[in-house]
Amino acid sequence: MSIPMPGEQVRGSKTGKPIMALLDLLGRTWALGIVWQLSQGRQPLENYNNAVNKFRPAY
């Protein structure tokens, strides 16, 4: 699976606008959970690890 790039067709968008490429990248992984946790302010690394495990998709 390739990394979505602005200007190329991505999931949900034929135009590949930068915001759509970003949403495709965040939506396909648990990266959105990481961004959410980082937005909550400084925390010990263990808190991040525990929280990210909740967002990790089950394959």
C-alpha atoms as a PDB file:
ATOM      1  CA  MET A   1       0.000   0.000   0.000  1.00  0.00           C
ATOM      2  CA  SER A   2       1.521   3.297  -1.065  1.00  0.00           C
ATOM      3  CA  ILE A   3       1.569   6.487   0.954  1.00  0.00           C
ATOM      4  CA  PRO A   4      -1.140   8.935  -0.191  1.00  0.00           C
ATOM      5  CA  MET A   5       0.404  11.982  -1.842  1.00  0.00           C
ATOM      6  CA  PRO A   6      -1.197  15.361  -2.613  1.00  0.00           C
ATOM      7  CA  GLY A   7      -2.069  15.709  -6.285  1.00  0.00           C
ATOM      8  CA  GLU A   8      -2.620  11.969  -6.767  1.00  0.00           C
ATOM      9  CA  GLN A   9      -5.901  10.093  -6.469  1.00  0.00           C
ATOM     10  CA  VAL A  10      -6.516   8.987  -2.864  1.00  0.00           C
ATOM     11  CA  ARG A  11      -9.345   7.197  -1.077  1.00  0.00           C
ATOM     12  CA  GLY A  12     -12.418   9.412  -1.132  1.00  0.00           C
ATOM     13  CA  SER A  13     -10.979  11.933  -3.597  1.00  0.00           C
ATOM     14  CA  LYS A  14     -10.102  11.858  -7.276  1.00  0.00           C
ATOM     15  CA  THR A  15      -8.410  15.277  -7.081  1.00  0.00           C
ATOM     16  CA  GLY A  16      -5.934  14.397  -4.343  1.00  0.00           C
ATOM     17  CA  LYS A  17      -6.214  17.723  -2.544  1.00  0.00           C
ATOM     18  CA  PRO A  18      -3.685  17.882   0.311  1.00  0.00           C
ATOM     19  CA  ILE A  19      -6.328  17.677   3.055  1.00  0.00           C
ATOM     20  CA  MET A  20      -7.824  14.548   1.437  1.00  0.00           C
ATOM     21  CA  ALA A  21      -4.383  12.915   1.233  1.00  0.00           C
ATOM     22  CA  LEU A  22      -3.852  13.702   4.915  1.00  0.00           C
ATOM     23  CA  LEU A  23      -7.253  12.276   5.907  1.00  0.00           C
ATOM     24  CA  ASP A  24      -6.539   9.146   3.860  1.00  0.00           C
ATOM     25  CA  LEU A  25      -3.193   8.702   5.611  1.00  0.00           C
ATOM     26  CA  LEU A  26      -4.665   9.247   9.073  1.00  0.00           C
ATOM     27  CA  GLY A  27      -7.732   7.146   8.396  1.00  0.00           C
ATOM     28  CA  ARG A  28      -5.856   4.056   7.279  1.00  0.00           C
ATOM     29  CA  THR A  29      -3.741   3.745  10.401  1.00  0.00           C
ATOM     30  CA  TRP A  30      -4.054   4.439  14.088  1.00  0.00           C
ATOM     31  CA  ALA A  31      -2.100   7.646  13.519  1.00  0.00           C
ATOM     32  CA  LEU A  32      -5.225   9.660  14.270  1.00  0.00           C
ATOM     33  CA  GLY A  33      -5.193   8.217  17.792  1.00  0.00           C
ATOM     34  CA  ILE A  34      -1.624   9.381  18.218  1.00  0.00           C
ATOM     35  CA  VAL A  35      -2.501  12.888  17.048  1.00  0.00           C
ATOM     36  CA  TRP A  36      -5.441  12.939  19.462  1.00  0.00           C
ATOM     37  CA  GLN A  37      -3.249  11.918  22.398  1.00  0.00           C
ATOM     38  CA  LEU A  38      -0.599  14.500  21.524  1.00  0.00           C
ATOM     39  CA  SER A  39      -3.271  17.207  21.475  1.00  0.00           C
ATOM     40  CA  GLN A  40      -4.066  16.434  25.127  1.00  0.00           C
ATOM     41  CA  GLY A  41      -0.765  17.902  26.328  1.00  0.00           C
ATOM     42  CA  ARG A  42       2.389  16.457  27.874  1.00  0.00           C
ATOM     43  CA  GLN A  43       2.082  13.006  29.371  1.00  0.00           C
ATOM     44  CA  PRO A  44       4.483  10.232  30.331  1.00  0.00           C
ATOM     45  CA  LEU A  45       5.371   7.899  27.441  1.00  0.00           C
ATOM     46  CA  GLU A  46       3.583   5.006  29.156  1.00  0.00           C
ATOM     47  CA  ASN A  47       0.286   6.928  28.945  1.00  0.00           C
ATOM     48  CA  TYR A  48       0.742   7.355  25.185  1.00  0.00           C
ATOM     49  CA  ASN A  49       1.530   3.676  24.719  1.00  0.00           C
ATOM     50  CA  ASN A  50      -1.547   2.587  26.657  1.00  0.00           C
ATOM     51  CA  ALA A  51      -3.818   5.007  24.819  1.00  0.00           C
ATOM     52  CA  VAL A  52      -2.511   4.136  21.357  1.00  0.00           C
ATOM     53  CA  ASN A  53      -3.143   0.443  21.979  1.00  0.00           C
ATOM     54  CA  LYS A  54      -6.847   1.314  22.279  1.00  0.00           C
ATOM     55  CA  PHE A  55      -6.833   2.863  18.780  1.00  0.00           C
ATOM     56  CA  ARG A  56      -4.862   0.122  17.061  1.00  0.00           C
ATOM     57  CA  PRO A  57      -7.083  -1.715  14.572  1.00  0.00           C
ATOM     58  CA  ALA A  58      -7.556  -5.464  14.954  1.00  0.00           C
ATOM     59  CA  TYR A  59      -6.477  -7.305  11.805  1.00  0.00           C
END
